[in-house]
């Protein structure tokens, strides 16, 4: 039991990364949190599946997984999910016939194109998807705004203001780009990363178990816990990240986690 939450019956685990399994230093490198590696190894040893779901979308998931391994957090490419993965699956499923205008790095654009996403050229965009981009040209923003005004849906990997960093919040450039397009068009962006139905669907497919038999562990009440509640999962808030100081008594019951722990090491004796 974990404050009333049974984890021995859970068949699949979803972990947030930054603020949950590791913290990044000023140099950008991750430092695994105490017990993080042991928790992942214990889950694998039990024969159960796990996925690390980060809202990072600057590079494809395989590259993120490689960086995490270099930082000391053992994770395979198959165990790493990002909004790029859930967005790619969603666009292929529901908008395969529409060229996509992408606000994304070159490696992400190449990855999505290889996965079957048609990349829009000129003014032909049928959908707009915003991942992460270091810089954006005003002309591209205007092209996206015109496409959205013509009826193209506006999708984004994330629409939260930022993430836990070494020196406080790291503001989301993807959210900034999305907000600019939404402001001038009046469109309501649809999130395809955390939390979203698209992400829940991708999690279920990757883990191979019903999401009601999944536990979501993360530090962000508005992303990780919201994702878990959306999927009918068990939810565990880790106090080591961005939502660490929130007084849950002030949070509506429908948004609260099922359990709260100080750090991922607290999971070890409950697995």
C-alpha atoms as a PDB file:
ATOM      1  CA  UNK A   1       0.000   0.000   0.000  1.00  0.00           C
ATOM      2  CA  UNK A   2       1.122   3.593  -0.633  1.00  0.00           C
ATOM      3  CA  UNK A   3      -1.237   5.803   1.350  1.00  0.00           C
ATOM      4  CA  UNK A   4      -4.089   3.626   0.141  1.00  0.00           C
ATOM      5  CA  UNK A   5      -2.718   2.974  -3.366  1.00  0.00           C
ATOM      6  CA  UNK A   6      -1.757  -0.605  -4.216  1.00  0.00           C
ATOM      7  CA  UNK A   7       1.250  -0.847  -6.505  1.00  0.00           C
ATOM      8  CA  UNK A   8       1.741  -4.615  -6.404  1.00  0.00           C
ATOM      9  CA  UNK A   9      -1.308  -5.009  -8.681  1.00  0.00           C
ATOM     10  CA  UNK A  10      -0.114  -2.387 -11.171  1.00  0.00           C
ATOM     11  CA  UNK A  11       0.921  -3.879 -14.525  1.00  0.00           C
ATOM     12  CA  UNK A  12       2.474  -0.801 -16.111  1.00  0.00           C
ATOM     13  CA  UNK A  13       4.299   2.284 -14.824  1.00  0.00           C
ATOM     14  CA  UNK A  14       4.639   5.744 -16.324  1.00  0.00           C
ATOM     15  CA  UNK A  15       7.305   8.084 -14.929  1.00  0.00           C
ATOM     16  CA  UNK A  16       7.900  11.734 -15.591  1.00  0.00           C
ATOM     17  CA  UNK A  17      11.596  12.563 -16.024  1.00  0.00           C
ATOM     18  CA  UNK A  18      12.695  16.057 -14.945  1.00  0.00           C
ATOM     19  CA  UNK A  19      11.817  16.747 -11.329  1.00  0.00           C
ATOM     20  CA  UNK A  20      10.855  13.117 -10.761  1.00  0.00           C
ATOM     21  CA  UNK A  21      13.634  10.731 -11.793  1.00  0.00           C
ATOM     22  CA  UNK A  22      16.367  13.335 -12.158  1.00  0.00           C
ATOM     23  CA  UNK A  23      17.262  16.969 -11.639  1.00  0.00           C
ATOM     24  CA  UNK A  24      19.325  18.942 -14.124  1.00  0.00           C
ATOM     25  CA  UNK A  25      22.270  21.026 -13.069  1.00  0.00           C
ATOM     26  CA  UNK A  26      23.272  24.438 -14.465  1.00  0.00           C
ATOM     27  CA  UNK A  27      25.239  22.581 -17.152  1.00  0.00           C
ATOM     28  CA  UNK A  28      22.034  20.936 -18.409  1.00  0.00           C
ATOM     29  CA  UNK A  29      23.165  17.456 -17.411  1.00  0.00           C
ATOM     30  CA  UNK A  30      20.796  15.277 -15.432  1.00  0.00           C
ATOM     31  CA  UNK A  31      21.521  13.897 -11.977  1.00  0.00           C
ATOM     32  CA  UNK A  32      19.398  10.830 -11.144  1.00  0.00           C
ATOM     33  CA  UNK A  33      17.409  11.236  -7.946  1.00  0.00           C
ATOM     34  CA  UNK A  34      18.145   8.867  -5.029  1.00  0.00           C
ATOM     35  CA  UNK A  35      16.565   5.493  -5.716  1.00  0.00           C
ATOM     36  CA  UNK A  36      15.584   6.316  -9.317  1.00  0.00           C
ATOM     37  CA  UNK A  37      17.761   3.643 -10.942  1.00  0.00           C
ATOM     38  CA  UNK A  38      16.806   1.053  -8.305  1.00  0.00           C
ATOM     39  CA  UNK A  39      13.083   1.697  -8.846  1.00  0.00           C
ATOM     40  CA  UNK A  40      13.349   1.192 -12.611  1.00  0.00           C
ATOM     41  CA  UNK A  41      15.393  -1.987 -12.187  1.00  0.00           C
ATOM     42  CA  UNK A  42      12.951  -3.372  -9.591  1.00  0.00           C
ATOM     43  CA  UNK A  43      10.003  -2.876 -11.931  1.00  0.00           C
ATOM     44  CA  UNK A  44      11.802  -4.582 -14.802  1.00  0.00           C
ATOM     45  CA  UNK A  45      12.855  -7.457 -12.518  1.00  0.00           C
ATOM     46  CA  UNK A  46       9.198  -8.004 -11.599  1.00  0.00           C
ATOM     47  CA  UNK A  47       8.365  -8.558 -15.272  1.00  0.00           C
ATOM     48  CA  UNK A  48       6.268  -5.428 -15.534  1.00  0.00           C
ATOM     49  CA  UNK A  49       6.471  -2.719 -18.207  1.00  0.00           C
ATOM     50  CA  UNK A  50       7.482   0.893 -17.754  1.00  0.00           C
ATOM     51  CA  UNK A  51       7.615   4.055 -19.829  1.00  0.00           C
ATOM     52  CA  UNK A  52       9.302   7.374 -19.180  1.00  0.00           C
ATOM     53  CA  UNK A  53       7.122  10.164 -20.588  1.00  0.00           C
ATOM     54  CA  UNK A  54       8.785  13.564 -20.867  1.00  0.00           C
ATOM     55  CA  UNK A  55       7.198  16.615 -22.473  1.00  0.00           C
ATOM     56  CA  UNK A  56      10.537  17.480 -24.092  1.00  0.00           C
ATOM     57  CA  UNK A  57      10.136  17.738 -27.857  1.00  0.00           C
ATOM     58  CA  UNK A  58      13.389  19.263 -29.102  1.00  0.00           C
ATOM     59  CA  UNK A  59      14.742  15.977 -30.486  1.00  0.00           C
ATOM     60  CA  UNK A  60      13.271  12.509 -31.193  1.00  0.00           C
ATOM     61  CA  UNK A  61      12.747  10.168 -28.246  1.00  0.00           C
ATOM     62  CA  UNK A  62      15.688   7.904 -29.164  1.00  0.00           C
ATOM     63  CA  UNK A  63      18.069  10.848 -28.760  1.00  0.00           C
ATOM     64  CA  UNK A  64      16.541  11.782 -25.400  1.00  0.00           C
ATOM     65  CA  UNK A  65      16.874   8.184 -24.206  1.00  0.00           C
ATOM     66  CA  UNK A  66      20.528   8.179 -25.256  1.00  0.00           C
ATOM     67  CA  UNK A  67      21.154  11.369 -23.273  1.00  0.00           C
ATOM     68  CA  UNK A  68      19.469   9.906 -20.190  1.00  0.00           C
ATOM     69  CA  UNK A  69      21.669   6.830 -20.381  1.00  0.00           C
ATOM     70  CA  UNK A  70      24.734   9.087 -20.561  1.00  0.00           C
ATOM     71  CA  UNK A  71      23.439  10.816 -17.416  1.00  0.00           C
ATOM     72  CA  UNK A  72      23.186   7.491 -15.594  1.00  0.00           C
ATOM     73  CA  UNK A  73      19.496   6.726 -16.006  1.00  0.00           C
ATOM     74  CA  UNK A  74      19.131   3.387 -17.836  1.00  0.00           C
ATOM     75  CA  UNK A  75      16.286   3.575 -20.350  1.00  0.00           C
ATOM     76  CA  UNK A  76      15.828   2.111 -23.817  1.00  0.00           C
ATOM     77  CA  UNK A  77      14.321   3.906 -26.778  1.00  0.00           C
ATOM     78  CA  UNK A  78      11.208   1.743 -26.442  1.00  0.00           C
ATOM     79  CA  UNK A  79      10.785   2.936 -22.863  1.00  0.00           C
ATOM     80  CA  UNK A  80      10.849   6.646 -23.741  1.00  0.00           C
ATOM     81  CA  UNK A  81       7.850   8.644 -24.968  1.00  0.00           C
ATOM     82  CA  UNK A  82       7.534  12.316 -25.922  1.00  0.00           C
ATOM     83  CA  UNK A  83       4.781  14.502 -27.410  1.00  0.00           C
ATOM     84  CA  UNK A  84       6.424  13.919 -30.788  1.00  0.00           C
ATOM     85  CA  UNK A  85       5.530  10.227 -30.495  1.00  0.00           C
ATOM     86  CA  UNK A  86       1.921  10.761 -29.407  1.00  0.00           C
ATOM     87  CA  UNK A  87       1.451  13.538 -31.978  1.00  0.00           C
ATOM     88  CA  UNK A  88       2.863  11.405 -34.794  1.00  0.00           C
ATOM     89  CA  UNK A  89       0.527   8.531 -33.951  1.00  0.00           C
ATOM     90  CA  UNK A  90      -2.435  10.916 -33.647  1.00  0.00           C
ATOM     91  CA  UNK A  91      -1.772  12.707 -36.940  1.00  0.00           C
ATOM     92  CA  UNK A  92      -1.303   9.419 -38.798  1.00  0.00           C
ATOM     93  CA  UNK A  93      -4.546   8.092 -37.335  1.00  0.00           C
ATOM     94  CA  UNK A  94      -6.797  11.108 -37.845  1.00  0.00           C
ATOM     95  CA  UNK A  95      -5.138  13.483 -40.333  1.00  0.00           C
ATOM     96  CA  UNK A  96      -3.088  11.278 -42.631  1.00  0.00           C
ATOM     97  CA  UNK A  97      -4.380  13.114 -45.714  1.00  0.00           C
ATOM     98  CA  UNK A  98      -3.427  16.583 -44.446  1.00  0.00           C
ATOM     99  CA  UNK A  99       0.035  18.132 -44.861  1.00  0.00           C
ATOM    100  CA  UNK A 100       1.392  19.347 -41.529  1.00  0.00           C
ATOM    101  CA  UNK A 101       3.108  22.649 -40.886  1.00  0.00           C
ATOM    102  CA  UNK A 102       5.601  21.790 -38.145  1.00  0.00           C
ATOM    103  CA  UNK A 103       7.296  24.091 -35.663  1.00  0.00           C
ATOM    104  CA  UNK A 104      10.058  21.665 -34.747  1.00  0.00           C
ATOM    105  CA  UNK A 105      13.784  21.079 -34.944  1.00  0.00           C
ATOM    106  CA  UNK A 106      15.300  19.573 -38.063  1.00  0.00           C
ATOM    107  CA  UNK A 107      15.759  16.182 -36.411  1.00  0.00           C
ATOM    108  CA  UNK A 108      12.125  16.092 -35.261  1.00  0.00           C
ATOM    109  CA  UNK A 109      10.862  17.122 -38.707  1.00  0.00           C
ATOM    110  CA  UNK A 110      12.949  14.349 -40.288  1.00  0.00           C
ATOM    111  CA  UNK A 111      11.733  11.822 -37.719  1.00  0.00           C
ATOM    112  CA  UNK A 112       8.065  12.686 -38.306  1.00  0.00           C
ATOM    113  CA  UNK A 113       8.496  12.634 -42.093  1.00  0.00           C
ATOM    114  CA  UNK A 114      10.086   9.185 -41.919  1.00  0.00           C
ATOM    115  CA  UNK A 115       7.151   8.053 -39.768  1.00  0.00           C
ATOM    116  CA  UNK A 116       4.731   9.008 -42.553  1.00  0.00           C
ATOM    117  CA  UNK A 117       3.736  12.595 -41.732  1.00  0.00           C
ATOM    118  CA  UNK A 118       3.352  14.735 -44.854  1.00  0.00           C
ATOM    119  CA  UNK A 119       5.256  17.992 -44.374  1.00  0.00           C
ATOM    120  CA  UNK A 120       3.456  21.078 -45.716  1.00  0.00           C
ATOM    121  CA  UNK A 121       5.125  23.220 -48.344  1.00  0.00           C
ATOM    122  CA  UNK A 122       4.049  26.746 -49.154  1.00  0.00           C
ATOM    123  CA  UNK A 123       0.461  27.532 -48.176  1.00  0.00           C
ATOM    124  CA  UNK A 124      -0.939  23.986 -48.275  1.00  0.00           C
ATOM    125  CA  UNK A 125      -0.942  23.232 -44.536  1.00  0.00           C
ATOM    126  CA  UNK A 126      -3.920  21.211 -43.380  1.00  0.00           C
ATOM    127  CA  UNK A 127      -2.795  20.990 -39.747  1.00  0.00           C
ATOM    128  CA  UNK A 128      -0.342  22.939 -37.591  1.00  0.00           C
ATOM    129  CA  UNK A 129       1.728  21.186 -34.921  1.00  0.00           C
ATOM    130  CA  UNK A 130       4.029  22.991 -32.489  1.00  0.00           C
ATOM    131  CA  UNK A 131       6.833  21.102 -30.755  1.00  0.00           C
ATOM    132  CA  UNK A 132       9.973  22.953 -29.592  1.00  0.00           C
ATOM    133  CA  UNK A 133      11.938  25.427 -31.657  1.00  0.00           C
ATOM    134  CA  UNK A 134      14.816  27.624 -30.489  1.00  0.00           C
ATOM    135  CA  UNK A 135      13.965  30.421 -32.916  1.00  0.00           C
ATOM    136  CA  UNK A 136      10.970  31.178 -35.103  1.00  0.00           C
ATOM    137  CA  UNK A 137      10.503  33.496 -38.073  1.00  0.00           C
ATOM    138  CA  UNK A 138       7.546  35.856 -38.117  1.00  0.00           C
ATOM    139  CA  UNK A 139       6.745  34.736 -41.648  1.00  0.00           C
ATOM    140  CA  UNK A 140       6.271  31.159 -40.442  1.00  0.00           C
ATOM    141  CA  UNK A 141       3.979  32.335 -37.644  1.00  0.00           C
ATOM    142  CA  UNK A 142       1.901  34.244 -40.179  1.00  0.00           C
ATOM    143  CA  UNK A 143       1.765  31.218 -42.490  1.00  0.00           C
ATOM    144  CA  UNK A 144       0.513  29.099 -39.600  1.00  0.00           C
ATOM    145  CA  UNK A 145      -2.038  31.752 -38.626  1.00  0.00           C
ATOM    146  CA  UNK A 146      -3.398  31.869 -42.172  1.00  0.00           C
ATOM    147  CA  UNK A 147      -3.683  28.075 -42.253  1.00  0.00           C
ATOM    148  CA  UNK A 148      -5.514  28.004 -38.905  1.00  0.00           C
ATOM    149  CA  UNK A 149      -7.828  30.804 -40.059  1.00  0.00           C
ATOM    150  CA  UNK A 150      -8.669  28.683 -43.111  1.00  0.00           C
ATOM    151  CA  UNK A 151      -9.657  25.820 -40.813  1.00  0.00           C
ATOM    152  CA  UNK A 152      -6.475  23.889 -40.050  1.00  0.00           C
ATOM    153  CA  UNK A 153      -6.538  22.590 -36.447  1.00  0.00           C
ATOM    154  CA  UNK A 154      -3.825  23.898 -34.125  1.00  0.00           C
ATOM    155  CA  UNK A 155      -2.023  21.159 -32.173  1.00  0.00           C
ATOM    156  CA  UNK A 156       0.769  21.538 -29.639  1.00  0.00           C
ATOM    157  CA  UNK A 157       3.013  19.187 -27.728  1.00  0.00           C
ATOM    158  CA  UNK A 158       2.475  21.107 -24.503  1.00  0.00           C
ATOM    159  CA  UNK A 159       0.694  24.255 -23.386  1.00  0.00           C
ATOM    160  CA  UNK A 160       2.040  24.629 -19.866  1.00  0.00           C
ATOM    161  CA  UNK A 161       4.226  27.626 -19.130  1.00  0.00           C
ATOM    162  CA  UNK A 162       7.339  25.647 -18.244  1.00  0.00           C
ATOM    163  CA  UNK A 163       9.158  22.843 -16.496  1.00  0.00           C
ATOM    164  CA  UNK A 164      11.307  22.265 -13.422  1.00  0.00           C
ATOM    165  CA  UNK A 165      14.917  23.337 -14.012  1.00  0.00           C
ATOM    166  CA  UNK A 166      18.089  23.611 -11.979  1.00  0.00           C
ATOM    167  CA  UNK A 167      17.442  27.279 -11.185  1.00  0.00           C
ATOM    168  CA  UNK A 168      13.662  27.333 -11.224  1.00  0.00           C
ATOM    169  CA  UNK A 169      11.174  27.198 -14.064  1.00  0.00           C
ATOM    170  CA  UNK A 170      12.330  26.725 -17.664  1.00  0.00           C
ATOM    171  CA  UNK A 171       9.806  28.518 -19.842  1.00  0.00           C
ATOM    172  CA  UNK A 172       8.302  26.574 -22.727  1.00  0.00           C
ATOM    173  CA  UNK A 173       9.138  28.020 -26.129  1.00  0.00           C
ATOM    174  CA  UNK A 174       6.589  25.705 -27.681  1.00  0.00           C
ATOM    175  CA  UNK A 175       3.910  27.266 -25.497  1.00  0.00           C
ATOM    176  CA  UNK A 176       5.070  30.734 -26.554  1.00  0.00           C
ATOM    177  CA  UNK A 177       4.791  29.854 -30.251  1.00  0.00           C
ATOM    178  CA  UNK A 178       1.413  28.209 -29.763  1.00  0.00           C
ATOM    179  CA  UNK A 179       0.111  31.177 -27.791  1.00  0.00           C
ATOM    180  CA  UNK A 180       1.136  33.595 -30.554  1.00  0.00           C
ATOM    181  CA  UNK A 181      -0.816  31.647 -33.186  1.00  0.00           C
ATOM    182  CA  UNK A 182      -3.794  31.176 -30.872  1.00  0.00           C
ATOM    183  CA  UNK A 183      -3.912  34.877 -30.003  1.00  0.00           C
ATOM    184  CA  UNK A 184      -4.233  36.178 -33.553  1.00  0.00           C
ATOM    185  CA  UNK A 185      -6.552  33.434 -34.800  1.00  0.00           C
ATOM    186  CA  UNK A 186      -8.767  32.915 -31.762  1.00  0.00           C
ATOM    187  CA  UNK A 187      -8.162  29.166 -32.089  1.00  0.00           C
ATOM    188  CA  UNK A 188      -8.080  26.911 -29.065  1.00  0.00           C
ATOM    189  CA  UNK A 189      -4.921  24.761 -29.210  1.00  0.00           C
ATOM    190  CA  UNK A 190      -5.287  21.044 -28.656  1.00  0.00           C
ATOM    191  CA  UNK A 191      -2.540  19.378 -26.623  1.00  0.00           C
ATOM    192  CA  UNK A 192      -1.133  16.079 -27.930  1.00  0.00           C
ATOM    193  CA  UNK A 193       1.439  15.568 -25.166  1.00  0.00           C
ATOM    194  CA  UNK A 194       0.800  15.564 -21.406  1.00  0.00           C
ATOM    195  CA  UNK A 195      -2.060  15.654 -20.523  1.00  0.00           C
ATOM    196  CA  UNK A 196      -4.184  14.531 -23.484  1.00  0.00           C
ATOM    197  CA  UNK A 197      -6.284  11.658 -24.795  1.00  0.00           C
ATOM    198  CA  UNK A 198      -3.701  11.213 -27.545  1.00  0.00           C
ATOM    199  CA  UNK A 199      -1.027  10.644 -24.890  1.00  0.00           C
ATOM    200  CA  UNK A 200      -3.246   8.218 -22.959  1.00  0.00           C
ATOM    201  CA  UNK A 201      -3.834   6.208 -26.145  1.00  0.00           C
ATOM    202  CA  UNK A 202      -0.112   6.070 -26.923  1.00  0.00           C
ATOM    203  CA  UNK A 203       0.720   5.011 -23.370  1.00  0.00           C
ATOM    204  CA  UNK A 204      -1.753   2.141 -23.502  1.00  0.00           C
ATOM    205  CA  UNK A 205      -0.352   1.010 -26.837  1.00  0.00           C
ATOM    206  CA  UNK A 206       3.274   1.193 -25.673  1.00  0.00           C
ATOM    207  CA  UNK A 207       2.673  -0.580 -22.349  1.00  0.00           C
ATOM    208  CA  UNK A 208       0.258  -3.125 -23.783  1.00  0.00           C
ATOM    209  CA  UNK A 209      -2.060  -3.002 -20.756  1.00  0.00           C
ATOM    210  CA  UNK A 210      -5.322  -1.155 -20.002  1.00  0.00           C
ATOM    211  CA  UNK A 211      -4.574   2.256 -18.535  1.00  0.00           C
ATOM    212  CA  UNK A 212      -6.731   1.461 -15.487  1.00  0.00           C
ATOM    213  CA  UNK A 213      -3.955  -0.991 -14.550  1.00  0.00           C
ATOM    214  CA  UNK A 214      -1.245   1.674 -14.889  1.00  0.00           C
ATOM    215  CA  UNK A 215       0.348   3.963 -12.298  1.00  0.00           C
ATOM    216  CA  UNK A 216       1.542   7.447 -13.287  1.00  0.00           C
ATOM    217  CA  UNK A 217       4.291   8.944 -11.111  1.00  0.00           C
ATOM    218  CA  UNK A 218       5.322  12.561 -11.574  1.00  0.00           C
ATOM    219  CA  UNK A 219       6.082  15.917  -9.997  1.00  0.00           C
ATOM    220  CA  UNK A 220       3.628  18.079 -11.959  1.00  0.00           C
ATOM    221  CA  UNK A 221       0.018  18.218 -10.818  1.00  0.00           C
ATOM    222  CA  UNK A 222      -1.180  19.844 -14.032  1.00  0.00           C
ATOM    223  CA  UNK A 223       0.602  17.462 -16.409  1.00  0.00           C
ATOM    224  CA  UNK A 224       1.501  14.113 -14.849  1.00  0.00           C
ATOM    225  CA  UNK A 225      -1.344  13.736 -12.382  1.00  0.00           C
ATOM    226  CA  UNK A 226      -3.819  15.178 -14.883  1.00  0.00           C
ATOM    227  CA  UNK A 227      -2.614  12.650 -17.474  1.00  0.00           C
ATOM    228  CA  UNK A 228      -3.088   9.768 -15.055  1.00  0.00           C
ATOM    229  CA  UNK A 229      -6.551  10.853 -13.997  1.00  0.00           C
ATOM    230  CA  UNK A 230      -7.544  11.268 -17.635  1.00  0.00           C
ATOM    231  CA  UNK A 231      -6.570   7.648 -18.277  1.00  0.00           C
ATOM    232  CA  UNK A 232      -8.177   6.222 -15.133  1.00  0.00           C
ATOM    233  CA  UNK A 233      -4.710   5.369 -13.772  1.00  0.00           C
ATOM    234  CA  UNK A 234      -3.425   5.333 -10.221  1.00  0.00           C
ATOM    235  CA  UNK A 235      -1.558   8.592  -9.618  1.00  0.00           C
ATOM    236  CA  UNK A 236       1.397   9.392  -7.359  1.00  0.00           C
ATOM    237  CA  UNK A 237       2.698  12.942  -6.907  1.00  0.00           C
ATOM    238  CA  UNK A 238       6.421  13.251  -6.165  1.00  0.00           C
ATOM    239  CA  UNK A 239       7.277  16.305  -4.074  1.00  0.00           C
ATOM    240  CA  UNK A 240      10.771  16.632  -5.580  1.00  0.00           C
ATOM    241  CA  UNK A 241       9.766  18.880  -8.485  1.00  0.00           C
ATOM    242  CA  UNK A 242       7.594  21.699  -9.735  1.00  0.00           C
ATOM    243  CA  UNK A 243       4.496  20.979  -7.615  1.00  0.00           C
ATOM    244  CA  UNK A 244       6.459  20.326  -4.440  1.00  0.00           C
ATOM    245  CA  UNK A 245       5.140  23.297  -2.492  1.00  0.00           C
ATOM    246  CA  UNK A 246       1.472  23.052  -3.486  1.00  0.00           C
ATOM    247  CA  UNK A 247      -0.995  22.680  -0.625  1.00  0.00           C
ATOM    248  CA  UNK A 248      -3.237  19.879  -1.876  1.00  0.00           C
ATOM    249  CA  UNK A 249      -6.001  20.957   0.492  1.00  0.00           C
ATOM    250  CA  UNK A 250      -6.500  23.939  -1.823  1.00  0.00           C
ATOM    251  CA  UNK A 251      -6.741  21.716  -4.913  1.00  0.00           C
ATOM    252  CA  UNK A 252     -10.159  20.419  -6.050  1.00  0.00           C
ATOM    253  CA  UNK A 253     -10.534  16.737  -5.198  1.00  0.00           C
ATOM    254  CA  UNK A 254     -10.935  15.775  -8.856  1.00  0.00           C
ATOM    255  CA  UNK A 255      -7.392  17.059  -9.536  1.00  0.00           C
ATOM    256  CA  UNK A 256      -5.634  15.533  -6.534  1.00  0.00           C
ATOM    257  CA  UNK A 257      -3.269  12.540  -6.756  1.00  0.00           C
ATOM    258  CA  UNK A 258      -4.139   9.224  -5.154  1.00  0.00           C
ATOM    259  CA  UNK A 259      -0.911   9.355  -3.141  1.00  0.00           C
ATOM    260  CA  UNK A 260       1.993  11.692  -2.363  1.00  0.00           C
ATOM    261  CA  UNK A 261       5.658  10.807  -1.757  1.00  0.00           C
ATOM    262  CA  UNK A 262       8.761  12.880  -1.091  1.00  0.00           C
ATOM    263  CA  UNK A 263      10.904  11.132  -3.706  1.00  0.00           C
ATOM    264  CA  UNK A 264      10.886   8.098  -6.008  1.00  0.00           C
ATOM    265  CA  UNK A 265      12.979   6.116  -3.517  1.00  0.00           C
ATOM    266  CA  UNK A 266       9.813   5.889  -1.409  1.00  0.00           C
ATOM    267  CA  UNK A 267       8.378   3.526  -4.028  1.00  0.00           C
ATOM    268  CA  UNK A 268      11.030   0.836  -3.525  1.00  0.00           C
ATOM    269  CA  UNK A 269       9.475  -1.033  -0.619  1.00  0.00           C
ATOM    270  CA  UNK A 270       6.002  -0.837  -2.167  1.00  0.00           C
ATOM    271  CA  UNK A 271       6.677  -2.413  -5.562  1.00  0.00           C
END
